[in-house]
Amino acid sequence: MTPPPAPPAPAAGAAVVTPQGVQPPVKAVEALIDTMVGRAAAKGATPADVAHGIVGALAHLRTTFAAQGGYTAMRSFDDALRTFVLAQGMEIRRSTGREPTRIRRLPDPGPQAARAAAILRDAVSTGLLLNVWGPGNLLLQVAAGRLAVRLIEALGGALPTWSALEDWLAVDADHVLTADPGPVPFPAGRLQ
């Protein structure tokens, strides 16, 4: 008896049905990030504000990797992010014929940086929920890559050096690895 033929591969961007259920498409995560970056800009954020918001979202994602998988998971996140930034640098070099500008410091944040960070952290939190249906951490890696692309765009095509980007992201993740958060207090008047 011959086994049944394999199902056809899904079209690009189409949802995939598996025994675990419907798999959200990678395109949905990319669209989520793009939409939220656009929303942050539409709310009056400058490119510098958006860059700070994206760094905050990446730090949130890195912190989640560190909290859930420890140092090894966090370093695998770092490796994936470094690869995305390097790939963007090579793409800029290929398309423009020039070496991309490297930066070590984020531009100063404006008054809408906190709002941009909140909007983009919400996007990452949504990505964390979508990741439940994806294989491994694929959708989180897609989110990190898309955030890296949008960070470079917000920086006017400049690439952060890896040491600078790692420093910008390290504050949250290192705190998770070394600090005992203690009990979580409930806000007054809620869940009593």
N, C-alpha and C. Protein backbone atom coordinates (compact mmCIF):
# COMPACT_ATOMS: atom_id res chain seq x y z
N MET A 1 0.84 -1.17 0.00
CA MET A 1 0.00 0.00 0.00
C MET A 1 0.89 1.24 0.00
N THR A 2 0.62 2.18 -0.87
CA THR A 2 1.42 3.39 -0.96
C THR A 2 0.82 4.48 -0.07
N PRO A 3 1.69 5.30 0.53
CA PRO A 3 1.17 6.37 1.38
C PRO A 3 0.45 7.42 0.53
N PRO A 4 -0.48 8.15 1.14
CA PRO A 4 -1.17 9.20 0.38
C PRO A 4 -0.19 10.30 0.00
N PRO A 5 -0.48 11.01 -1.10
CA PRO A 5 0.44 12.08 -1.52
C PRO A 5 0.45 13.21 -0.49
N ALA A 6 1.57 13.87 -0.42
CA ALA A 6 1.69 15.01 0.50
C ALA A 6 0.80 16.14 0.02
N PRO A 7 0.24 16.91 0.95
CA PRO A 7 -0.59 18.04 0.53
C PRO A 7 0.26 19.09 -0.17
N PRO A 8 -0.35 19.87 -1.07
CA PRO A 8 0.43 20.90 -1.76
C PRO A 8 0.92 21.96 -0.78
N ALA A 9 2.02 22.57 -1.12
CA ALA A 9 2.56 23.63 -0.27
C ALA A 9 1.61 24.82 -0.31
N PRO A 10 1.46 25.51 0.84
CA PRO A 10 0.56 26.66 0.85
C PRO A 10 1.14 27.81 0.05
N ALA A 11 0.26 28.66 -0.45
CA ALA A 11 0.70 29.85 -1.17
C ALA A 11 1.40 30.79 -0.20
N ALA A 12 2.28 31.61 -0.73
CA ALA A 12 3.00 32.55 0.14
C ALA A 12 2.01 33.43 0.88
N GLY A 13 2.16 33.52 2.19
CA GLY A 13 1.30 34.36 3.00
C GLY A 13 0.00 33.70 3.41
N ALA A 14 -0.25 32.49 2.93
CA ALA A 14 -1.50 31.82 3.28
C ALA A 14 -1.36 31.14 4.63
N ALA A 15 -2.50 31.00 5.31
CA ALA A 15 -2.50 30.28 6.58
C ALA A 15 -2.27 28.81 6.31
N VAL A 16 -1.65 28.13 7.24
CA VAL A 16 -1.36 26.71 7.11
C VAL A 16 -2.17 25.97 8.15
N VAL A 17 -2.89 24.94 7.73
CA VAL A 17 -3.66 24.13 8.67
C VAL A 17 -2.84 22.90 9.01
N THR A 18 -2.59 22.69 10.29
CA THR A 18 -1.84 21.54 10.77
C THR A 18 -2.69 20.84 11.83
N PRO A 19 -2.24 19.71 12.33
CA PRO A 19 -3.00 19.07 13.42
C PRO A 19 -3.17 19.99 14.63
N GLN A 20 -2.29 20.97 14.79
CA GLN A 20 -2.41 21.91 15.91
C GLN A 20 -3.39 23.04 15.61
N GLY A 21 -3.87 23.15 14.40
CA GLY A 21 -4.81 24.21 14.05
C GLY A 21 -4.26 25.08 12.94
N VAL A 22 -4.86 26.24 12.77
CA VAL A 22 -4.46 27.17 11.72
C VAL A 22 -3.21 27.91 12.15
N GLN A 23 -2.21 27.91 11.30
CA GLN A 23 -0.96 28.61 11.58
C GLN A 23 -1.04 30.02 11.02
N PRO A 24 -0.88 31.04 11.86
CA PRO A 24 -0.91 32.40 11.31
C PRO A 24 0.23 32.59 10.32
N PRO A 25 -0.01 33.32 9.26
CA PRO A 25 1.03 33.51 8.26
C PRO A 25 2.09 34.49 8.75
N VAL A 26 3.25 34.31 8.22
CA VAL A 26 4.36 35.21 8.51
C VAL A 26 4.01 36.63 8.08
N LYS A 27 3.30 36.74 6.96
CA LYS A 27 2.92 38.06 6.45
C LYS A 27 2.07 38.82 7.46
N ALA A 28 1.27 38.13 8.25
CA ALA A 28 0.43 38.81 9.24
C ALA A 28 1.29 39.47 10.31
N VAL A 29 2.36 38.81 10.73
CA VAL A 29 3.25 39.39 11.74
C VAL A 29 3.97 40.60 11.15
N GLU A 30 4.44 40.49 9.92
CA GLU A 30 5.09 41.63 9.28
C GLU A 30 4.12 42.80 9.15
N ALA A 31 2.87 42.50 8.75
CA ALA A 31 1.87 43.56 8.61
C ALA A 31 1.55 44.19 9.96
N LEU A 32 1.51 43.39 11.01
CA LEU A 32 1.26 43.91 12.36
C LEU A 32 2.34 44.91 12.75
N ILE A 33 3.60 44.55 12.56
CA ILE A 33 4.71 45.44 12.90
C ILE A 33 4.64 46.71 12.06
N ASP A 34 4.45 46.56 10.76
CA ASP A 34 4.39 47.73 9.87
C ASP A 34 3.24 48.66 10.25
N THR A 35 2.08 48.07 10.55
CA THR A 35 0.92 48.88 10.91
C THR A 35 1.16 49.64 12.20
N MET A 36 1.76 48.99 13.19
CA MET A 36 1.98 49.65 14.47
C MET A 36 3.08 50.71 14.37
N VAL A 37 4.09 50.50 13.55
CA VAL A 37 5.10 51.54 13.33
C VAL A 37 4.42 52.74 12.66
N GLY A 38 3.56 52.46 11.69
CA GLY A 38 2.82 53.53 11.04
C GLY A 38 1.89 54.25 12.00
N ARG A 39 1.26 53.51 12.90
CA ARG A 39 0.37 54.13 13.88
C ARG A 39 1.16 55.03 14.83
N ALA A 40 2.33 54.57 15.25
CA ALA A 40 3.16 55.41 16.13
C ALA A 40 3.53 56.71 15.43
N ALA A 41 3.90 56.63 14.17
CA ALA A 41 4.25 57.84 13.41
C ALA A 41 3.02 58.73 13.22
N ALA A 42 1.85 58.12 13.00
CA ALA A 42 0.62 58.89 12.79
C ALA A 42 0.19 59.62 14.07
N LYS A 43 0.62 59.12 15.21
CA LYS A 43 0.28 59.77 16.49
C LYS A 43 1.25 60.89 16.83
N GLY A 44 2.08 61.31 15.88
CA GLY A 44 2.95 62.45 16.09
C GLY A 44 4.39 62.11 16.46
N ALA A 45 4.74 60.85 16.42
CA ALA A 45 6.11 60.46 16.77
C ALA A 45 7.07 60.83 15.64
N THR A 46 8.21 61.36 16.01
CA THR A 46 9.26 61.64 15.05
C THR A 46 9.99 60.34 14.72
N PRO A 47 10.81 60.31 13.67
CA PRO A 47 11.60 59.10 13.43
C PRO A 47 12.45 58.70 14.65
N ALA A 48 12.98 59.67 15.39
CA ALA A 48 13.75 59.35 16.59
C ALA A 48 12.86 58.69 17.64
N ASP A 49 11.63 59.20 17.80
CA ASP A 49 10.68 58.60 18.74
C ASP A 49 10.37 57.15 18.34
N VAL A 50 10.14 56.96 17.04
CA VAL A 50 9.84 55.62 16.53
C VAL A 50 11.04 54.69 16.77
N ALA A 51 12.26 55.19 16.54
CA ALA A 51 13.45 54.38 16.78
C ALA A 51 13.52 53.95 18.25
N HIS A 52 13.25 54.87 19.16
CA HIS A 52 13.25 54.52 20.58
C HIS A 52 12.15 53.51 20.88
N GLY A 53 10.99 53.68 20.26
CA GLY A 53 9.90 52.72 20.46
C GLY A 53 10.25 51.34 19.96
N ILE A 54 10.92 51.27 18.81
CA ILE A 54 11.33 49.98 18.26
C ILE A 54 12.36 49.31 19.16
N VAL A 55 13.32 50.08 19.66
CA VAL A 55 14.32 49.52 20.57
C VAL A 55 13.61 48.98 21.83
N GLY A 56 12.62 49.72 22.33
CA GLY A 56 11.86 49.24 23.48
C GLY A 56 11.13 47.94 23.18
N ALA A 57 10.55 47.83 21.97
CA ALA A 57 9.85 46.61 21.58
C ALA A 57 10.83 45.44 21.45
N LEU A 58 12.00 45.71 20.85
CA LEU A 58 13.01 44.65 20.74
C LEU A 58 13.51 44.22 22.12
N ALA A 59 13.67 45.19 23.03
CA ALA A 59 14.10 44.85 24.39
C ALA A 59 13.03 43.99 25.08
N HIS A 60 11.76 44.32 24.85
CA HIS A 60 10.67 43.52 25.42
C HIS A 60 10.71 42.10 24.88
N LEU A 61 10.94 41.96 23.59
CA LEU A 61 11.04 40.63 22.98
C LEU A 61 12.24 39.88 23.52
N ARG A 62 13.36 40.54 23.63
CA ARG A 62 14.58 39.91 24.16
C ARG A 62 14.37 39.50 25.61
N THR A 63 13.72 40.34 26.39
CA THR A 63 13.44 40.03 27.78
C THR A 63 12.57 38.78 27.88
N THR A 64 11.60 38.67 26.98
CA THR A 64 10.73 37.49 26.99
C THR A 64 11.52 36.23 26.68
N PHE A 65 12.40 36.30 25.69
CA PHE A 65 13.25 35.16 25.39
C PHE A 65 14.09 34.79 26.62
N ALA A 66 14.67 35.79 27.27
CA ALA A 66 15.51 35.54 28.44
C ALA A 66 14.70 34.93 29.58
N ALA A 67 13.52 35.46 29.82
CA ALA A 67 12.69 34.97 30.93
C ALA A 67 12.21 33.55 30.69
N GLN A 68 11.88 33.23 29.46
CA GLN A 68 11.32 31.92 29.15
C GLN A 68 12.39 30.85 28.90
N GLY A 69 13.50 31.25 28.31
CA GLY A 69 14.49 30.24 27.93
C GLY A 69 15.87 30.43 28.51
N GLY A 70 16.06 31.49 29.30
CA GLY A 70 17.35 31.73 29.91
C GLY A 70 18.36 32.32 28.96
N TYR A 71 19.60 32.24 29.38
CA TYR A 71 20.70 32.86 28.66
C TYR A 71 20.83 32.32 27.23
N THR A 72 20.69 31.03 27.04
CA THR A 72 20.86 30.43 25.72
C THR A 72 19.80 30.95 24.74
N ALA A 73 18.56 31.03 25.19
CA ALA A 73 17.50 31.54 24.32
C ALA A 73 17.75 33.01 23.99
N MET A 74 18.18 33.78 24.98
CA MET A 74 18.46 35.18 24.74
C MET A 74 19.58 35.35 23.72
N ARG A 75 20.63 34.54 23.84
CA ARG A 75 21.75 34.64 22.89
C ARG A 75 21.33 34.21 21.50
N SER A 76 20.41 33.24 21.39
CA SER A 76 19.93 32.85 20.06
C SER A 76 19.12 33.99 19.45
N PHE A 77 18.36 34.71 20.29
CA PHE A 77 17.64 35.90 19.82
C PHE A 77 18.65 36.94 19.32
N ASP A 78 19.71 37.16 20.10
CA ASP A 78 20.74 38.13 19.71
C ASP A 78 21.36 37.75 18.37
N ASP A 79 21.66 36.45 18.21
CA ASP A 79 22.27 35.99 16.96
C ASP A 79 21.35 36.23 15.77
N ALA A 80 20.05 35.95 15.95
CA ALA A 80 19.10 36.17 14.86
C ALA A 80 19.00 37.66 14.54
N LEU A 81 18.94 38.49 15.57
CA LEU A 81 18.84 39.94 15.36
C LEU A 81 20.09 40.47 14.66
N ARG A 82 21.25 40.01 15.10
CA ARG A 82 22.50 40.43 14.46
C ARG A 82 22.50 40.05 12.98
N THR A 83 22.00 38.86 12.67
CA THR A 83 21.93 38.41 11.28
C THR A 83 21.02 39.31 10.46
N PHE A 84 19.86 39.69 11.03
CA PHE A 84 18.95 40.59 10.31
C PHE A 84 19.61 41.93 10.04
N VAL A 85 20.31 42.49 11.02
CA VAL A 85 20.96 43.78 10.83
C VAL A 85 22.07 43.68 9.78
N LEU A 86 22.85 42.61 9.84
CA LEU A 86 23.90 42.41 8.83
C LEU A 86 23.30 42.27 7.44
N ALA A 87 22.20 41.52 7.33
CA ALA A 87 21.55 41.34 6.04
C ALA A 87 21.03 42.67 5.49
N GLN A 88 20.48 43.50 6.37
CA GLN A 88 20.02 44.81 5.93
C GLN A 88 21.19 45.66 5.45
N GLY A 89 22.31 45.58 6.15
CA GLY A 89 23.50 46.31 5.71
C GLY A 89 23.97 45.87 4.34
N MET A 90 23.95 44.56 4.11
CA MET A 90 24.35 44.06 2.79
C MET A 90 23.36 44.49 1.72
N GLU A 91 22.07 44.52 2.06
CA GLU A 91 21.05 44.95 1.10
C GLU A 91 21.23 46.43 0.75
N ILE A 92 21.52 47.25 1.75
CA ILE A 92 21.77 48.68 1.49
C ILE A 92 22.99 48.83 0.59
N ARG A 93 24.04 48.08 0.89
CA ARG A 93 25.27 48.14 0.08
C ARG A 93 24.98 47.69 -1.35
N ARG A 94 24.19 46.63 -1.50
CA ARG A 94 23.87 46.12 -2.84
C ARG A 94 23.03 47.11 -3.63
N SER A 95 22.01 47.69 -2.98
CA SER A 95 21.09 48.56 -3.71
C SER A 95 21.62 49.97 -3.95
N THR A 96 22.49 50.46 -3.08
CA THR A 96 22.99 51.83 -3.25
C THR A 96 24.43 51.88 -3.74
N GLY A 97 25.17 50.80 -3.57
CA GLY A 97 26.57 50.79 -3.96
C GLY A 97 27.48 51.49 -2.97
N ARG A 98 26.94 51.85 -1.82
CA ARG A 98 27.77 52.53 -0.81
C ARG A 98 27.66 51.80 0.53
N GLU A 99 28.66 52.04 1.34
CA GLU A 99 28.68 51.47 2.69
C GLU A 99 27.66 52.22 3.56
N PRO A 100 26.79 51.50 4.28
CA PRO A 100 25.83 52.20 5.14
C PRO A 100 26.52 52.92 6.30
N THR A 101 25.92 54.02 6.72
CA THR A 101 26.41 54.77 7.87
C THR A 101 26.20 53.93 9.12
N ARG A 102 27.19 53.94 10.01
CA ARG A 102 27.09 53.20 11.29
C ARG A 102 26.89 54.21 12.41
N ILE A 103 26.01 53.88 13.35
CA ILE A 103 25.80 54.76 14.49
C ILE A 103 25.98 53.99 15.79
N ARG A 104 26.40 54.70 16.82
CA ARG A 104 26.60 54.11 18.14
C ARG A 104 25.62 54.67 19.17
N ARG A 105 24.87 55.68 18.78
CA ARG A 105 23.98 56.35 19.73
C ARG A 105 22.64 56.63 19.04
N LEU A 106 21.56 56.36 19.74
CA LEU A 106 20.24 56.71 19.22
C LEU A 106 20.07 58.22 19.24
N PRO A 107 19.32 58.76 18.28
CA PRO A 107 19.01 60.19 18.36
C PRO A 107 18.21 60.46 19.63
N ASP A 108 18.27 61.69 20.11
CA ASP A 108 17.53 62.02 21.33
C ASP A 108 16.04 61.82 21.13
N PRO A 109 15.36 61.24 22.12
CA PRO A 109 13.93 61.00 21.99
C PRO A 109 13.15 62.30 22.11
N GLY A 110 12.01 62.33 21.46
CA GLY A 110 11.11 63.48 21.56
C GLY A 110 9.98 63.18 22.52
N PRO A 111 8.98 64.04 22.55
CA PRO A 111 7.89 63.89 23.51
C PRO A 111 6.98 62.68 23.24
N GLN A 112 7.03 62.12 22.04
CA GLN A 112 6.15 60.99 21.72
C GLN A 112 6.87 59.63 21.79
N ALA A 113 8.08 59.60 22.30
CA ALA A 113 8.84 58.35 22.36
C ALA A 113 8.15 57.32 23.26
N ALA A 114 7.62 57.76 24.39
CA ALA A 114 6.95 56.82 25.30
C ALA A 114 5.70 56.23 24.65
N ARG A 115 4.96 57.06 23.93
CA ARG A 115 3.76 56.56 23.24
C ARG A 115 4.16 55.56 22.16
N ALA A 116 5.18 55.89 21.39
CA ALA A 116 5.65 54.97 20.35
C ALA A 116 6.10 53.65 20.96
N ALA A 117 6.79 53.72 22.10
CA ALA A 117 7.24 52.50 22.77
C ALA A 117 6.05 51.67 23.23
N ALA A 118 5.02 52.31 23.77
CA ALA A 118 3.84 51.57 24.24
C ALA A 118 3.13 50.89 23.08
N ILE A 119 2.98 51.61 21.97
CA ILE A 119 2.31 51.03 20.79
C ILE A 119 3.09 49.84 20.27
N LEU A 120 4.40 49.96 20.20
CA LEU A 120 5.21 48.88 19.64
C LEU A 120 5.38 47.71 20.61
N ARG A 121 5.38 47.98 21.91
CA ARG A 121 5.38 46.86 22.88
C ARG A 121 4.08 46.08 22.78
N ASP A 122 2.97 46.78 22.54
CA ASP A 122 1.69 46.08 22.32
C ASP A 122 1.76 45.18 21.09
N ALA A 123 2.40 45.67 20.03
CA ALA A 123 2.55 44.86 18.82
C ALA A 123 3.35 43.60 19.13
N VAL A 124 4.43 43.74 19.90
CA VAL A 124 5.23 42.58 20.26
C VAL A 124 4.43 41.62 21.14
N SER A 125 3.63 42.16 22.05
CA SER A 125 2.79 41.30 22.90
C SER A 125 1.80 40.52 22.05
N THR A 126 1.25 41.15 21.02
CA THR A 126 0.36 40.44 20.11
C THR A 126 1.13 39.36 19.36
N GLY A 127 2.36 39.68 18.95
CA GLY A 127 3.20 38.68 18.30
C GLY A 127 3.49 37.50 19.20
N LEU A 128 3.64 37.76 20.50
CA LEU A 128 3.86 36.67 21.45
C LEU A 128 2.64 35.74 21.48
N LEU A 129 1.46 36.32 21.41
CA LEU A 129 0.24 35.50 21.38
C LEU A 129 0.14 34.71 20.09
N LEU A 130 0.45 35.34 18.96
CA LEU A 130 0.40 34.64 17.68
C LEU A 130 1.43 33.51 17.62
N ASN A 131 2.54 33.69 18.30
CA ASN A 131 3.61 32.70 18.26
C ASN A 131 3.17 31.34 18.80
N VAL A 132 2.16 31.33 19.63
CA VAL A 132 1.65 30.06 20.18
C VAL A 132 1.27 29.11 19.05
N TRP A 133 0.77 29.64 17.94
CA TRP A 133 0.32 28.80 16.84
C TRP A 133 1.39 28.56 15.79
N GLY A 134 2.53 29.17 15.91
CA GLY A 134 3.57 29.00 14.92
C GLY A 134 4.53 27.88 15.30
N PRO A 135 5.29 27.40 14.34
CA PRO A 135 6.29 26.38 14.65
C PRO A 135 7.48 27.00 15.39
N GLY A 136 7.83 26.44 16.52
CA GLY A 136 8.96 26.95 17.30
C GLY A 136 8.74 28.41 17.65
N ASN A 137 9.75 29.21 17.45
CA ASN A 137 9.64 30.65 17.69
C ASN A 137 9.74 31.43 16.38
N LEU A 138 9.29 30.82 15.30
CA LEU A 138 9.40 31.42 13.97
C LEU A 138 8.78 32.81 13.93
N LEU A 139 7.57 32.96 14.45
CA LEU A 139 6.89 34.25 14.33
C LEU A 139 7.56 35.33 15.17
N LEU A 140 8.17 34.94 16.28
CA LEU A 140 8.92 35.92 17.08
C LEU A 140 10.18 36.35 16.35
N GLN A 141 10.82 35.42 15.67
CA GLN A 141 12.00 35.76 14.90
C GLN A 141 11.64 36.67 13.73
N VAL A 142 10.48 36.41 13.12
CA VAL A 142 10.00 37.28 12.05
C VAL A 142 9.74 38.68 12.60
N ALA A 143 9.11 38.76 13.77
CA ALA A 143 8.84 40.06 14.39
C ALA A 143 10.14 40.80 14.66
N ALA A 144 11.14 40.10 15.19
CA ALA A 144 12.43 40.73 15.48
C ALA A 144 13.08 41.24 14.20
N GLY A 145 13.03 40.44 13.14
CA GLY A 145 13.61 40.86 11.87
C GLY A 145 12.90 42.06 11.29
N ARG A 146 11.57 42.06 11.38
CA ARG A 146 10.82 43.19 10.84
C ARG A 146 11.08 44.45 11.65
N LEU A 147 11.17 44.31 12.98
CA LEU A 147 11.50 45.46 13.82
C LEU A 147 12.88 46.00 13.47
N ALA A 148 13.84 45.11 13.19
CA ALA A 148 15.18 45.55 12.82
C ALA A 148 15.15 46.35 11.51
N VAL A 149 14.37 45.87 10.54
CA VAL A 149 14.23 46.58 9.27
C VAL A 149 13.64 47.97 9.51
N ARG A 150 12.59 48.03 10.31
CA ARG A 150 11.93 49.32 10.57
C ARG A 150 12.80 50.24 11.41
N LEU A 151 13.65 49.68 12.29
CA LEU A 151 14.59 50.51 13.06
C LEU A 151 15.57 51.20 12.12
N ILE A 152 16.11 50.45 11.19
CA ILE A 152 17.06 51.02 10.24
C ILE A 152 16.38 52.09 9.40
N GLU A 153 15.14 51.87 9.02
CA GLU A 153 14.39 52.90 8.28
C GLU A 153 14.21 54.15 9.14
N ALA A 154 13.84 53.96 10.42
CA ALA A 154 13.63 55.10 11.32
C ALA A 154 14.92 55.87 11.54
N LEU A 155 16.05 55.19 11.44
CA LEU A 155 17.35 55.84 11.60
C LEU A 155 17.87 56.40 10.28
N GLY A 156 17.00 56.50 9.30
CA GLY A 156 17.38 57.09 8.01
C GLY A 156 18.33 56.22 7.20
N GLY A 157 18.26 54.92 7.39
CA GLY A 157 19.14 54.00 6.67
C GLY A 157 20.46 53.73 7.37
N ALA A 158 20.67 54.35 8.51
CA ALA A 158 21.91 54.10 9.27
C ALA A 158 21.77 52.78 10.03
N LEU A 159 22.89 52.09 10.12
CA LEU A 159 22.90 50.82 10.85
C LEU A 159 23.51 51.02 12.24
N PRO A 160 22.82 50.52 13.27
CA PRO A 160 23.47 50.56 14.57
C PRO A 160 24.60 49.54 14.58
N THR A 161 25.69 49.88 15.24
CA THR A 161 26.73 48.86 15.42
C THR A 161 26.14 47.80 16.33
N TRP A 162 26.65 46.56 16.22
CA TRP A 162 26.08 45.51 17.05
C TRP A 162 26.31 45.80 18.52
N SER A 163 27.48 46.30 18.89
CA SER A 163 27.74 46.57 20.31
C SER A 163 26.78 47.63 20.84
N ALA A 164 26.46 48.65 20.02
CA ALA A 164 25.51 49.67 20.46
C ALA A 164 24.12 49.08 20.62
N LEU A 165 23.66 48.32 19.63
CA LEU A 165 22.33 47.73 19.70
C LEU A 165 22.23 46.77 20.88
N GLU A 166 23.25 46.00 21.10
CA GLU A 166 23.25 45.07 22.23
C GLU A 166 23.17 45.84 23.55
N ASP A 167 23.89 46.95 23.65
CA ASP A 167 23.82 47.78 24.86
C ASP A 167 22.42 48.36 25.04
N TRP A 168 21.80 48.81 23.94
CA TRP A 168 20.46 49.39 24.05
C TRP A 168 19.46 48.36 24.54
N LEU A 169 19.65 47.11 24.15
CA LEU A 169 18.70 46.05 24.50
C LEU A 169 19.03 45.37 25.83
N ALA A 170 20.26 45.50 26.30
CA ALA A 170 20.73 44.71 27.44
C ALA A 170 20.07 45.05 28.76
N VAL A 171 19.64 46.26 28.94
CA VAL A 171 19.13 46.68 30.24
C VAL A 171 18.00 45.79 30.72
N ASP A 172 16.97 45.61 29.89
CA ASP A 172 15.83 44.80 30.30
C ASP A 172 16.20 43.34 30.47
N ALA A 173 16.85 42.75 29.47
CA ALA A 173 17.10 41.32 29.51
C ALA A 173 18.04 40.95 30.65
N ASP A 174 19.07 41.73 30.90
CA ASP A 174 19.98 41.41 31.99
C ASP A 174 19.27 41.51 33.33
N HIS A 175 18.35 42.44 33.46
CA HIS A 175 17.59 42.57 34.70
C HIS A 175 16.77 41.31 34.94
N VAL A 176 16.16 40.77 33.88
CA VAL A 176 15.34 39.56 34.03
C VAL A 176 16.20 38.38 34.46
N LEU A 177 17.41 38.30 33.93
CA LEU A 177 18.27 37.15 34.25
C LEU A 177 18.83 37.22 35.67
N THR A 178 18.95 38.41 36.23
CA THR A 178 19.63 38.51 37.52
C THR A 178 18.74 38.95 38.67
N ALA A 179 17.58 39.49 38.39
CA ALA A 179 16.77 40.07 39.46
C ALA A 179 15.61 39.15 39.83
N ASP A 180 15.27 39.15 41.10
CA ASP A 180 14.08 38.47 41.59
C ASP A 180 12.98 39.51 41.62
N PRO A 181 11.95 39.37 40.77
CA PRO A 181 10.95 40.41 40.71
C PRO A 181 10.07 40.49 41.95
N GLY A 182 10.06 39.47 42.77
CA GLY A 182 9.23 39.49 43.97
C GLY A 182 7.75 39.37 43.62
N PRO A 183 6.88 39.57 44.60
CA PRO A 183 5.46 39.43 44.32
C PRO A 183 4.97 40.56 43.43
N VAL A 184 3.98 40.26 42.63
CA VAL A 184 3.40 41.26 41.73
C VAL A 184 2.26 41.95 42.46
N PRO A 185 2.38 43.26 42.71
CA PRO A 185 1.30 43.96 43.43
C PRO A 185 0.11 44.20 42.51
N PHE A 186 -1.10 44.11 43.05
CA PHE A 186 -2.31 44.42 42.30
C PHE A 186 -2.65 45.87 42.51
N PRO A 187 -3.10 46.55 41.45
CA PRO A 187 -3.49 47.95 41.61
C PRO A 187 -4.66 48.06 42.59
N ALA A 188 -4.71 49.14 43.34
CA ALA A 188 -5.77 49.34 44.32
C ALA A 188 -7.13 49.31 43.62
N GLY A 189 -8.08 48.63 44.24
CA GLY A 189 -9.43 48.59 43.72
C GLY A 189 -9.66 47.55 42.65
N ARG A 190 -8.67 46.75 42.32
CA ARG A 190 -8.83 45.74 41.27
C ARG A 190 -8.48 44.38 41.84
N LEU A 191 -9.20 43.38 41.38
CA LEU A 191 -8.98 41.97 41.75
C LEU A 191 -8.93 41.77 43.26
N GLN A 192 -9.87 42.34 43.94
CA GLN A 192 -9.88 42.17 45.40
C GLN A 192 -10.81 41.07 45.81
